[in-house]
């Protein structure tokens, strides 16, 4: 038996979407409806995409010369070597990145980081695309604060540009994992909200009791300190089996193995940190363990990990 644990936008770049004001500390949800927007085509001009590093038509191109530079040659050779060693990026990466941006901003447009990113949207997306395509993207600083309801716990928030990358990975690999989950798994899965969960519970109760004619028992259980205790090594092996594309797996590995404690900004009343039990704090997690609560990637990874848990019938 398998048990599942459960700023204004520059014109012609992005079409504004209707939105409601949200708390700037709200965390990403892992089961949103995909935003339907015509913004993606508007970012792709009639001349095609202008790649990062490509010279603008209004700027003079560099004049070729005969002088050579040892330093320049060495730099070029090193860059070419790194590019050769990096797995090839998805040919549709930019379009996928635009969609990930639209999904990410759906609940974050009023946050300061999202507004700052939108102020120079084209430049920021092209820069992010260049880093990803070259395999040079690395997660940046995280923000950590403590909430007290329903109980004290740490919340970690990645930078807006990093959250876009989380969405990029999620959009590409999540469907294959969701398709393999049992139908009763409802945590952060599109289309499986509280109503779906209640209906599945009712169905299972009627089935095991033969429509209420036989007694039955149920087990209520929880995984102690789940997010803090997650082994990244175990999760890494699970992802490797299901993500055969080298570039996408390299991206998943970068997100998974990143330790946000090495570059973090604490916000809010620091005295609240004392309210979080030490064994539930990511700051106290052993090396190689723990995922930051609040990131979309963490919610998704937390669903993948218990997929292989088996108990005797």
C-alpha atoms as a PDB file:
ATOM      1  CA  UNK A   1       0.000   0.000   0.000  1.00  0.00           C
ATOM      2  CA  UNK A   2       1.346   3.386  -0.937  1.00  0.00           C
ATOM      3  CA  UNK A   3       0.774   6.245   1.499  1.00  0.00           C
ATOM      4  CA  UNK A   4       1.093   9.859   0.318  1.00  0.00           C
ATOM      5  CA  UNK A   5       1.961  12.684   2.711  1.00  0.00           C
ATOM      6  CA  UNK A   6       0.337  14.870   1.938  1.00  0.00           C
ATOM      7  CA  UNK A   7       5.769  50.420 -11.482  1.00  0.00           C
ATOM      8  CA  UNK A   8       4.105  50.935 -14.336  1.00  0.00           C
ATOM      9  CA  UNK A   9       4.928  48.570 -17.096  1.00  0.00           C
ATOM     10  CA  UNK A  10       6.509  49.867 -20.309  1.00  0.00           C
ATOM     11  CA  UNK A  11       3.968  49.981 -23.086  1.00  0.00           C
ATOM     12  CA  UNK A  12       3.760  47.057 -25.512  1.00  0.00           C
ATOM     13  CA  UNK A  13       5.784  44.780 -23.238  1.00  0.00           C
ATOM     14  CA  UNK A  14       3.315  43.245 -20.865  1.00  0.00           C
ATOM     15  CA  UNK A  15      -0.424  43.612 -20.876  1.00  0.00           C
ATOM     16  CA  UNK A  16      -1.693  44.471 -17.370  1.00  0.00           C
ATOM     17  CA  UNK A  17      -3.623  41.741 -15.681  1.00  0.00           C
ATOM     18  CA  UNK A  18      -6.485  42.288 -13.239  1.00  0.00           C
ATOM     19  CA  UNK A  19      -5.309  41.641  -9.729  1.00  0.00           C
ATOM     20  CA  UNK A  20      -6.162  42.114  -6.134  1.00  0.00           C
ATOM     21  CA  UNK A  21      -3.901  43.684  -3.540  1.00  0.00           C
ATOM     22  CA  UNK A  22      -1.977  41.040  -1.665  1.00  0.00           C
ATOM     23  CA  UNK A  23       0.250  40.997   1.353  1.00  0.00           C
ATOM     24  CA  UNK A  24       3.856  41.490   0.299  1.00  0.00           C
ATOM     25  CA  UNK A  25       4.853  38.623   2.549  1.00  0.00           C
ATOM     26  CA  UNK A  26       2.423  36.159   1.022  1.00  0.00           C
ATOM     27  CA  UNK A  27       4.103  33.004  -0.102  1.00  0.00           C
ATOM     28  CA  UNK A  28       3.746  31.397  -3.505  1.00  0.00           C
ATOM     29  CA  UNK A  29       1.134  28.729  -3.946  1.00  0.00           C
ATOM     30  CA  UNK A  30       1.880  25.640  -5.865  1.00  0.00           C
ATOM     31  CA  UNK A  31      -1.515  25.164  -7.475  1.00  0.00           C
ATOM     32  CA  UNK A  32      -2.530  28.332  -9.361  1.00  0.00           C
ATOM     33  CA  UNK A  33      -4.552  28.534 -12.512  1.00  0.00           C
ATOM     34  CA  UNK A  34      -2.328  29.391 -15.464  1.00  0.00           C
ATOM     35  CA  UNK A  35      -2.661  33.055 -16.395  1.00  0.00           C
ATOM     36  CA  UNK A  36      -4.136  33.539 -19.857  1.00  0.00           C
ATOM     37  CA  UNK A  37      -2.488  36.565 -21.384  1.00  0.00           C
ATOM     38  CA  UNK A  38      -1.303  37.903 -24.670  1.00  0.00           C
ATOM     39  CA  UNK A  39       1.778  39.330 -22.992  1.00  0.00           C
ATOM     40  CA  UNK A  40       4.134  36.625 -24.150  1.00  0.00           C
ATOM     41  CA  UNK A  41       3.772  37.351 -27.874  1.00  0.00           C
ATOM     42  CA  UNK A  42       4.190  41.100 -27.271  1.00  0.00           C
ATOM     43  CA  UNK A  43       7.597  40.458 -25.761  1.00  0.00           C
ATOM     44  CA  UNK A  44       8.590  38.674 -28.926  1.00  0.00           C
ATOM     45  CA  UNK A  45       8.857  41.337 -31.604  1.00  0.00           C
ATOM     46  CA  UNK A  46       8.234  40.932 -35.332  1.00  0.00           C
ATOM     47  CA  UNK A  47      11.995  40.650 -35.876  1.00  0.00           C
ATOM     48  CA  UNK A  48      12.265  37.787 -33.429  1.00  0.00           C
ATOM     49  CA  UNK A  49      13.939  37.770 -30.042  1.00  0.00           C
ATOM     50  CA  UNK A  50      16.828  40.124 -29.337  1.00  0.00           C
ATOM     51  CA  UNK A  51      19.244  37.928 -27.454  1.00  0.00           C
ATOM     52  CA  UNK A  52      21.191  39.054 -24.447  1.00  0.00           C
ATOM     53  CA  UNK A  53      24.438  40.715 -25.471  1.00  0.00           C
ATOM     54  CA  UNK A  54      23.182  41.524 -28.998  1.00  0.00           C
ATOM     55  CA  UNK A  55      23.927  45.111 -30.087  1.00  0.00           C
ATOM     56  CA  UNK A  56      21.016  47.492 -30.488  1.00  0.00           C
ATOM     57  CA  UNK A  57      20.317  48.877 -33.943  1.00  0.00           C
ATOM     58  CA  UNK A  58      20.856  52.380 -32.555  1.00  0.00           C
ATOM     59  CA  UNK A  59      24.365  51.600 -31.370  1.00  0.00           C
ATOM     60  CA  UNK A  60      27.469  51.358 -33.511  1.00  0.00           C
ATOM     61  CA  UNK A  61      28.908  47.910 -33.901  1.00  0.00           C
ATOM     62  CA  UNK A  62      32.489  47.375 -32.788  1.00  0.00           C
ATOM     63  CA  UNK A  63      35.059  47.868 -35.557  1.00  0.00           C
ATOM     64  CA  UNK A  64      37.096  44.763 -36.276  1.00  0.00           C
ATOM     65  CA  UNK A  65      40.820  45.190 -35.726  1.00  0.00           C
ATOM     66  CA  UNK A  66      43.998  43.229 -36.137  1.00  0.00           C
ATOM     67  CA  UNK A  67      45.340  43.703 -32.617  1.00  0.00           C
ATOM     68  CA  UNK A  68      45.106  40.663 -30.398  1.00  0.00           C
ATOM     69  CA  UNK A  69      44.989  40.349 -26.637  1.00  0.00           C
ATOM     70  CA  UNK A  70      46.208  37.385 -24.667  1.00  0.00           C
ATOM     71  CA  UNK A  71      43.799  38.193 -21.843  1.00  0.00           C
ATOM     72  CA  UNK A  72      40.846  38.506 -24.189  1.00  0.00           C
ATOM     73  CA  UNK A  73      41.776  35.255 -25.907  1.00  0.00           C
ATOM     74  CA  UNK A  74      42.106  33.456 -22.599  1.00  0.00           C
ATOM     75  CA  UNK A  75      38.737  34.816 -21.428  1.00  0.00           C
ATOM     76  CA  UNK A  76      37.032  33.784 -24.649  1.00  0.00           C
ATOM     77  CA  UNK A  77      38.547  30.306 -24.474  1.00  0.00           C
ATOM     78  CA  UNK A  78      37.403  29.871 -20.872  1.00  0.00           C
ATOM     79  CA  UNK A  79      33.889  31.007 -21.705  1.00  0.00           C
ATOM     80  CA  UNK A  80      33.737  28.646 -24.659  1.00  0.00           C
ATOM     81  CA  UNK A  81      34.937  25.764 -22.502  1.00  0.00           C
ATOM     82  CA  UNK A  82      32.255  26.426 -19.901  1.00  0.00           C
ATOM     83  CA  UNK A  83      29.595  26.630 -22.599  1.00  0.00           C
ATOM     84  CA  UNK A  84      30.754  23.300 -24.006  1.00  0.00           C
ATOM     85  CA  UNK A  85      30.537  21.657 -20.605  1.00  0.00           C
ATOM     86  CA  UNK A  86      27.082  23.084 -19.819  1.00  0.00           C
ATOM     87  CA  UNK A  87      24.046  21.090 -20.994  1.00  0.00           C
ATOM     88  CA  UNK A  88      22.099  22.690 -23.815  1.00  0.00           C
ATOM     89  CA  UNK A  89      19.169  24.813 -22.705  1.00  0.00           C
ATOM     90  CA  UNK A  90      15.637  24.258 -23.949  1.00  0.00           C
ATOM     91  CA  UNK A  91      15.238  25.959 -27.365  1.00  0.00           C
ATOM     92  CA  UNK A  92      11.926  27.443 -26.161  1.00  0.00           C
ATOM     93  CA  UNK A  93      13.508  28.751 -22.965  1.00  0.00           C
ATOM     94  CA  UNK A  94      12.642  32.436 -23.454  1.00  0.00           C
ATOM     95  CA  UNK A  95       8.971  31.783 -24.163  1.00  0.00           C
ATOM     96  CA  UNK A  96       8.832  29.471 -21.148  1.00  0.00           C
ATOM     97  CA  UNK A  97      10.541  32.147 -19.047  1.00  0.00           C
ATOM     98  CA  UNK A  98       7.944  34.743 -20.075  1.00  0.00           C
ATOM     99  CA  UNK A  99       5.154  32.395 -19.021  1.00  0.00           C
ATOM    100  CA  UNK A 100       6.902  31.701 -15.732  1.00  0.00           C
ATOM    101  CA  UNK A 101       7.134  35.470 -15.143  1.00  0.00           C
ATOM    102  CA  UNK A 102       3.397  35.869 -15.796  1.00  0.00           C
ATOM    103  CA  UNK A 103       2.592  33.050 -13.395  1.00  0.00           C
ATOM    104  CA  UNK A 104       4.921  34.443 -10.741  1.00  0.00           C
ATOM    105  CA  UNK A 105       3.572  38.009 -10.848  1.00  0.00           C
ATOM    106  CA  UNK A 106      -0.032  36.868 -10.580  1.00  0.00           C
ATOM    107  CA  UNK A 107       0.039  37.123  -6.793  1.00  0.00           C
ATOM    108  CA  UNK A 108       3.143  39.317  -6.404  1.00  0.00           C
ATOM    109  CA  UNK A 109       2.568  42.425  -8.573  1.00  0.00           C
ATOM    110  CA  UNK A 110       2.191  44.773  -5.605  1.00  0.00           C
ATOM    111  CA  UNK A 111       5.442  43.710  -3.961  1.00  0.00           C
ATOM    112  CA  UNK A 112       8.433  46.049  -4.173  1.00  0.00           C
ATOM    113  CA  UNK A 113      10.626  43.413  -5.804  1.00  0.00           C
ATOM    114  CA  UNK A 114       8.053  42.672  -8.508  1.00  0.00           C
ATOM    115  CA  UNK A 115       7.574  46.376  -9.290  1.00  0.00           C
ATOM    116  CA  UNK A 116      11.328  46.882  -9.515  1.00  0.00           C
ATOM    117  CA  UNK A 117      11.627  43.936 -11.904  1.00  0.00           C
ATOM    118  CA  UNK A 118       8.789  45.234 -14.100  1.00  0.00           C
ATOM    119  CA  UNK A 119      10.359  48.721 -14.292  1.00  0.00           C
ATOM    120  CA  UNK A 120      12.994  47.267 -16.640  1.00  0.00           C
ATOM    121  CA  UNK A 121      11.135  44.162 -17.696  1.00  0.00           C
ATOM    122  CA  UNK A 122      12.711  43.464 -21.083  1.00  0.00           C
ATOM    123  CA  UNK A 123      16.245  44.014 -19.811  1.00  0.00           C
ATOM    124  CA  UNK A 124      15.678  41.871 -16.717  1.00  0.00           C
ATOM    125  CA  UNK A 125      14.105  38.991 -18.624  1.00  0.00           C
ATOM    126  CA  UNK A 126      16.849  38.985 -21.250  1.00  0.00           C
ATOM    127  CA  UNK A 127      19.507  39.067 -18.555  1.00  0.00           C
ATOM    128  CA  UNK A 128      17.884  36.226 -16.657  1.00  0.00           C
ATOM    129  CA  UNK A 129      17.507  34.254 -19.879  1.00  0.00           C
ATOM    130  CA  UNK A 130      21.185  34.707 -20.648  1.00  0.00           C
ATOM    131  CA  UNK A 131      22.226  33.441 -17.231  1.00  0.00           C
ATOM    132  CA  UNK A 132      19.974  30.419 -17.467  1.00  0.00           C
ATOM    133  CA  UNK A 133      20.985  29.509 -21.005  1.00  0.00           C
ATOM    134  CA  UNK A 134      24.674  29.694 -20.061  1.00  0.00           C
ATOM    135  CA  UNK A 135      24.169  27.678 -16.895  1.00  0.00           C
ATOM    136  CA  UNK A 136      25.415  30.653 -14.854  1.00  0.00           C
ATOM    137  CA  UNK A 137      22.251  31.398 -12.851  1.00  0.00           C
ATOM    138  CA  UNK A 138      22.555  31.033  -9.097  1.00  0.00           C
ATOM    139  CA  UNK A 139      19.958  31.835  -6.418  1.00  0.00           C
ATOM    140  CA  UNK A 140      20.394  35.169  -4.653  1.00  0.00           C
ATOM    141  CA  UNK A 141      19.615  36.485  -1.197  1.00  0.00           C
ATOM    142  CA  UNK A 142      16.562  35.252   0.655  1.00  0.00           C
ATOM    143  CA  UNK A 143      14.357  37.073   3.153  1.00  0.00           C
ATOM    144  CA  UNK A 144      13.365  35.367   6.373  1.00  0.00           C
ATOM    145  CA  UNK A 145      10.629  36.457   8.760  1.00  0.00           C
ATOM    146  CA  UNK A 146       8.461  34.794  11.376  1.00  0.00           C
ATOM    147  CA  UNK A 147       4.702  34.462  11.421  1.00  0.00           C
ATOM    148  CA  UNK A 148       2.770  33.522  14.553  1.00  0.00           C
ATOM    149  CA  UNK A 149      -0.512  32.189  13.195  1.00  0.00           C
ATOM    150  CA  UNK A 150      -1.588  29.507  13.426  1.00  0.00           C
ATOM    151  CA  UNK A 151       1.693  28.895  15.226  1.00  0.00           C
ATOM    152  CA  UNK A 152       5.192  30.424  15.133  1.00  0.00           C
ATOM    153  CA  UNK A 153       7.200  29.374  12.111  1.00  0.00           C
ATOM    154  CA  UNK A 154       9.822  30.747   9.771  1.00  0.00           C
ATOM    155  CA  UNK A 155       8.928  31.855   6.271  1.00  0.00           C
ATOM    156  CA  UNK A 156      11.612  32.191   3.632  1.00  0.00           C
ATOM    157  CA  UNK A 157      11.078  34.330   0.527  1.00  0.00           C
ATOM    158  CA  UNK A 158      13.379  34.228  -2.481  1.00  0.00           C
ATOM    159  CA  UNK A 159      14.016  37.241  -4.698  1.00  0.00           C
ATOM    160  CA  UNK A 160      11.370  37.884  -7.350  1.00  0.00           C
ATOM    161  CA  UNK A 161      13.736  36.921 -10.197  1.00  0.00           C
ATOM    162  CA  UNK A 162      14.539  33.682  -8.393  1.00  0.00           C
ATOM    163  CA  UNK A 163      10.857  32.936  -7.915  1.00  0.00           C
ATOM    164  CA  UNK A 164      10.445  33.252 -11.679  1.00  0.00           C
ATOM    165  CA  UNK A 165      13.018  30.493 -12.064  1.00  0.00           C
ATOM    166  CA  UNK A 166      11.150  28.363  -9.526  1.00  0.00           C
ATOM    167  CA  UNK A 167       8.025  28.750 -11.665  1.00  0.00           C
ATOM    168  CA  UNK A 168      10.015  27.924 -14.788  1.00  0.00           C
ATOM    169  CA  UNK A 169      11.125  24.605 -13.333  1.00  0.00           C
ATOM    170  CA  UNK A 170       7.747  23.843 -11.775  1.00  0.00           C
ATOM    171  CA  UNK A 171       5.816  24.455 -14.995  1.00  0.00           C
ATOM    172  CA  UNK A 172       8.066  22.059 -16.882  1.00  0.00           C
ATOM    173  CA  UNK A 173       8.457  19.111 -14.548  1.00  0.00           C
ATOM    174  CA  UNK A 174       5.453  19.187 -12.199  1.00  0.00           C
ATOM    175  CA  UNK A 175       2.898  17.624 -14.595  1.00  0.00           C
ATOM    176  CA  UNK A 176       4.910  14.413 -14.953  1.00  0.00           C
ATOM    177  CA  UNK A 177       5.114  14.017 -11.181  1.00  0.00           C
ATOM    178  CA  UNK A 178       1.464  14.911 -10.549  1.00  0.00           C
ATOM    179  CA  UNK A 179       0.373  12.300 -13.069  1.00  0.00           C
ATOM    180  CA  UNK A 180       2.079   9.591 -11.014  1.00  0.00           C
ATOM    181  CA  UNK A 181       0.696  10.656  -7.621  1.00  0.00           C
ATOM    182  CA  UNK A 182      -2.229   8.721  -6.189  1.00  0.00           C
ATOM    183  CA  UNK A 183      -5.616  10.359  -6.676  1.00  0.00           C
ATOM    184  CA  UNK A 184      -5.909  11.030  -2.945  1.00  0.00           C
ATOM    185  CA  UNK A 185      -2.820  13.281  -2.887  1.00  0.00           C
ATOM    186  CA  UNK A 186      -4.199  16.822  -2.682  1.00  0.00           C
ATOM    187  CA  UNK A 187      -1.419  19.045  -1.330  1.00  0.00           C
ATOM    188  CA  UNK A 188      -0.597  21.963  -3.672  1.00  0.00           C
ATOM    189  CA  UNK A 189      -1.772  20.204  -6.829  1.00  0.00           C
ATOM    190  CA  UNK A 190      -3.785  22.081  -9.483  1.00  0.00           C
ATOM    191  CA  UNK A 191      -7.442  21.101  -9.417  1.00  0.00           C
ATOM    192  CA  UNK A 192      -7.203  19.339  -6.081  1.00  0.00           C
ATOM    193  CA  UNK A 193      -8.422  21.804  -3.475  1.00  0.00           C
ATOM    194  CA  UNK A 194     -10.320  21.312  -0.246  1.00  0.00           C
ATOM    195  CA  UNK A 195     -13.555  20.341  -2.019  1.00  0.00           C
ATOM    196  CA  UNK A 196     -11.770  17.657  -3.996  1.00  0.00           C
ATOM    197  CA  UNK A 197     -10.115  16.379  -0.822  1.00  0.00           C
ATOM    198  CA  UNK A 198     -13.470  16.197   0.994  1.00  0.00           C
ATOM    199  CA  UNK A 199     -15.030  14.288  -1.880  1.00  0.00           C
ATOM    200  CA  UNK A 200     -12.157  11.799  -1.993  1.00  0.00           C
ATOM    201  CA  UNK A 201     -12.397  11.277   1.765  1.00  0.00           C
ATOM    202  CA  UNK A 202     -16.123  10.657   1.510  1.00  0.00           C
ATOM    203  CA  UNK A 203     -15.593   8.200  -1.321  1.00  0.00           C
ATOM    204  CA  UNK A 204     -12.945   6.258   0.589  1.00  0.00           C
ATOM    205  CA  UNK A 205     -15.056   6.191   3.768  1.00  0.00           C
ATOM    206  CA  UNK A 206     -18.025   4.781   1.907  1.00  0.00           C
ATOM    207  CA  UNK A 207     -15.844   2.241   0.169  1.00  0.00           C
ATOM    208  CA  UNK A 208     -14.085   0.851   3.224  1.00  0.00           C
ATOM    209  CA  UNK A 209     -17.297   0.745   5.294  1.00  0.00           C
ATOM    210  CA  UNK A 210     -19.396  -0.702   2.478  1.00  0.00           C
ATOM    211  CA  UNK A 211     -21.554   2.430   2.450  1.00  0.00           C
ATOM    212  CA  UNK A 212     -21.670   2.655   6.208  1.00  0.00           C
ATOM    213  CA  UNK A 213     -22.621  -0.911   6.950  1.00  0.00           C
ATOM    214  CA  UNK A 214     -19.297  -1.989   8.443  1.00  0.00           C
ATOM    215  CA  UNK A 215     -17.061  -0.424  11.088  1.00  0.00           C
ATOM    216  CA  UNK A 216     -13.678   0.950  10.026  1.00  0.00           C
ATOM    217  CA  UNK A 217     -10.651   2.661  11.481  1.00  0.00           C
ATOM    218  CA  UNK A 218      -8.499   5.538  10.253  1.00  0.00           C
ATOM    219  CA  UNK A 219      -4.977   6.635  11.050  1.00  0.00           C
ATOM    220  CA  UNK A 220      -4.162  10.291  11.658  1.00  0.00           C
ATOM    221  CA  UNK A 221      -0.430  10.849  11.339  1.00  0.00           C
ATOM    222  CA  UNK A 222       2.108  13.567  10.658  1.00  0.00           C
ATOM    223  CA  UNK A 223       5.760  13.681   9.629  1.00  0.00           C
ATOM    224  CA  UNK A 224       7.662  15.331  12.461  1.00  0.00           C
ATOM    225  CA  UNK A 225       9.540  18.526  11.515  1.00  0.00           C
ATOM    226  CA  UNK A 226       8.996  17.585   7.884  1.00  0.00           C
ATOM    227  CA  UNK A 227      10.518  20.513   5.962  1.00  0.00           C
ATOM    228  CA  UNK A 228      13.501  20.844   8.296  1.00  0.00           C
ATOM    229  CA  UNK A 229      14.262  17.125   8.233  1.00  0.00           C
ATOM    230  CA  UNK A 230      14.078  16.538   4.469  1.00  0.00           C
ATOM    231  CA  UNK A 231      17.203  14.857   3.153  1.00  0.00           C
ATOM    232  CA  UNK A 232      18.399  16.590   0.000  1.00  0.00           C
ATOM    233  CA  UNK A 233      20.388  13.514  -1.017  1.00  0.00           C
ATOM    234  CA  UNK A 234      17.280  11.325  -1.068  1.00  0.00           C
ATOM    235  CA  UNK A 235      15.263  13.957  -2.897  1.00  0.00           C
ATOM    236  CA  UNK A 236      18.100  14.487  -5.366  1.00  0.00           C
ATOM    237  CA  UNK A 237      17.999  10.812  -6.330  1.00  0.00           C
ATOM    238  CA  UNK A 238      14.232  10.915  -6.819  1.00  0.00           C
ATOM    239  CA  UNK A 239      14.454  13.955  -9.107  1.00  0.00           C
ATOM    240  CA  UNK A 240      17.287  12.405 -11.097  1.00  0.00           C
ATOM    241  CA  UNK A 241      15.158   9.373 -11.929  1.00  0.00           C
ATOM    242  CA  UNK A 242      12.304  11.486 -13.269  1.00  0.00           C
ATOM    243  CA  UNK A 243      14.131  14.351 -15.036  1.00  0.00           C
ATOM    244  CA  UNK A 244      16.158  12.867 -17.895  1.00  0.00           C
ATOM    245  CA  UNK A 245      16.813  16.235 -19.602  1.00  0.00           C
ATOM    246  CA  UNK A 246      20.347  17.311 -18.514  1.00  0.00           C
ATOM    247  CA  UNK A 247      19.665  21.077 -18.508  1.00  0.00           C
ATOM    248  CA  UNK A 248      16.437  20.806 -16.569  1.00  0.00           C
ATOM    249  CA  UNK A 249      17.951  18.431 -14.054  1.00  0.00           C
ATOM    250  CA  UNK A 250      20.930  20.779 -13.576  1.00  0.00           C
ATOM    251  CA  UNK A 251      18.458  23.587 -12.835  1.00  0.00           C
ATOM    252  CA  UNK A 252      16.532  21.439 -10.358  1.00  0.00           C
ATOM    253  CA  UNK A 253      19.781  20.445  -8.678  1.00  0.00           C
ATOM    254  CA  UNK A 254      20.874  24.090  -8.343  1.00  0.00           C
ATOM    255  CA  UNK A 255      17.592  25.042  -6.677  1.00  0.00           C
ATOM    256  CA  UNK A 256      17.504  21.986  -4.427  1.00  0.00           C
ATOM    257  CA  UNK A 257      21.082  22.167  -3.145  1.00  0.00           C
ATOM    258  CA  UNK A 258      21.070  25.949  -2.557  1.00  0.00           C
ATOM    259  CA  UNK A 259      21.468  26.810   1.129  1.00  0.00           C
ATOM    260  CA  UNK A 260      19.536  30.050   1.784  1.00  0.00           C
ATOM    261  CA  UNK A 261      21.134  30.397   5.231  1.00  0.00           C
ATOM    262  CA  UNK A 262      24.388  31.522   3.606  1.00  0.00           C
ATOM    263  CA  UNK A 263      22.838  34.753   2.304  1.00  0.00           C
ATOM    264  CA  UNK A 264      19.748  35.822   4.223  1.00  0.00           C
ATOM    265  CA  UNK A 265      18.130  39.070   5.339  1.00  0.00           C
ATOM    266  CA  UNK A 266      16.095  38.917   8.535  1.00  0.00           C
ATOM    267  CA  UNK A 267      12.999  41.114   8.562  1.00  0.00           C
ATOM    268  CA  UNK A 268      10.462  41.976  11.212  1.00  0.00           C
ATOM    269  CA  UNK A 269      10.854  41.697  14.947  1.00  0.00           C
ATOM    270  CA  UNK A 270      13.870  39.480  15.515  1.00  0.00           C
ATOM    271  CA  UNK A 271      12.544  38.569  18.944  1.00  0.00           C
ATOM    272  CA  UNK A 272       9.991  36.458  17.134  1.00  0.00           C
ATOM    273  CA  UNK A 273      12.738  34.091  16.099  1.00  0.00           C
ATOM    274  CA  UNK A 274      12.883  32.920  19.703  1.00  0.00           C
ATOM    275  CA  UNK A 275       9.247  31.838  19.406  1.00  0.00           C
ATOM    276  CA  UNK A 276      10.131  29.206  16.811  1.00  0.00           C
ATOM    277  CA  UNK A 277      11.141  25.913  18.465  1.00  0.00           C
ATOM    278  CA  UNK A 278      14.831  25.248  17.759  1.00  0.00           C
ATOM    279  CA  UNK A 279      14.131  21.886  16.148  1.00  0.00           C
ATOM    280  CA  UNK A 280      11.710  23.552  13.713  1.00  0.00           C
ATOM    281  CA  UNK A 281      14.137  26.260  12.592  1.00  0.00           C
ATOM    282  CA  UNK A 282      15.974  25.882   9.291  1.00  0.00           C
ATOM    283  CA  UNK A 283      18.914  27.698  10.882  1.00  0.00           C
ATOM    284  CA  UNK A 284      19.453  24.618  13.068  1.00  0.00           C
ATOM    285  CA  UNK A 285      19.017  21.979  10.373  1.00  0.00           C
ATOM    286  CA  UNK A 286      22.023  19.725   9.755  1.00  0.00           C
ATOM    287  CA  UNK A 287      23.957  20.151   6.537  1.00  0.00           C
ATOM    288  CA  UNK A 288      22.274  18.548   3.574  1.00  0.00           C
ATOM    289  CA  UNK A 289      18.844  18.710   5.191  1.00  0.00           C
ATOM    290  CA  UNK A 290      15.913  21.089   5.176  1.00  0.00           C
ATOM    291  CA  UNK A 291      13.933  23.110   2.641  1.00  0.00           C
ATOM    292  CA  UNK A 292      12.884  26.754   3.130  1.00  0.00           C
ATOM    293  CA  UNK A 293       9.160  27.038   3.819  1.00  0.00           C
ATOM    294  CA  UNK A 294       7.648  29.636   1.494  1.00  0.00           C
ATOM    295  CA  UNK A 295       9.168  28.813  -1.896  1.00  0.00           C
ATOM    296  CA  UNK A 296       7.141  27.177  -4.645  1.00  0.00           C
ATOM    297  CA  UNK A 297      10.003  24.786  -5.289  1.00  0.00           C
ATOM    298  CA  UNK A 298       9.990  23.672  -1.647  1.00  0.00           C
ATOM    299  CA  UNK A 299       6.271  22.912  -1.719  1.00  0.00           C
ATOM    300  CA  UNK A 300       6.712  20.868  -4.868  1.00  0.00           C
ATOM    301  CA  UNK A 301       9.791  19.015  -3.634  1.00  0.00           C
ATOM    302  CA  UNK A 302       7.944  18.233  -0.397  1.00  0.00           C
ATOM    303  CA  UNK A 303       5.286  16.460  -2.455  1.00  0.00           C
ATOM    304  CA  UNK A 304       7.830  14.445  -4.402  1.00  0.00           C
ATOM    305  CA  UNK A 305       9.742  13.123  -1.395  1.00  0.00           C
ATOM    306  CA  UNK A 306       7.044  10.940   0.263  1.00  0.00           C
ATOM    307  CA  UNK A 307       5.839   9.539  -3.057  1.00  0.00           C
ATOM    308  CA  UNK A 308       7.943   6.412  -2.510  1.00  0.00           C
ATOM    309  CA  UNK A 309       7.016   5.800   1.125  1.00  0.00           C
ATOM    310  CA  UNK A 310       5.566   2.339   1.512  1.00  0.00           C
ATOM    311  CA  UNK A 311       4.169   0.593   4.571  1.00  0.00           C
ATOM    312  CA  UNK A 312       2.990  -3.000   4.943  1.00  0.00           C
ATOM    313  CA  UNK A 313      -0.718  -3.547   4.413  1.00  0.00           C
END
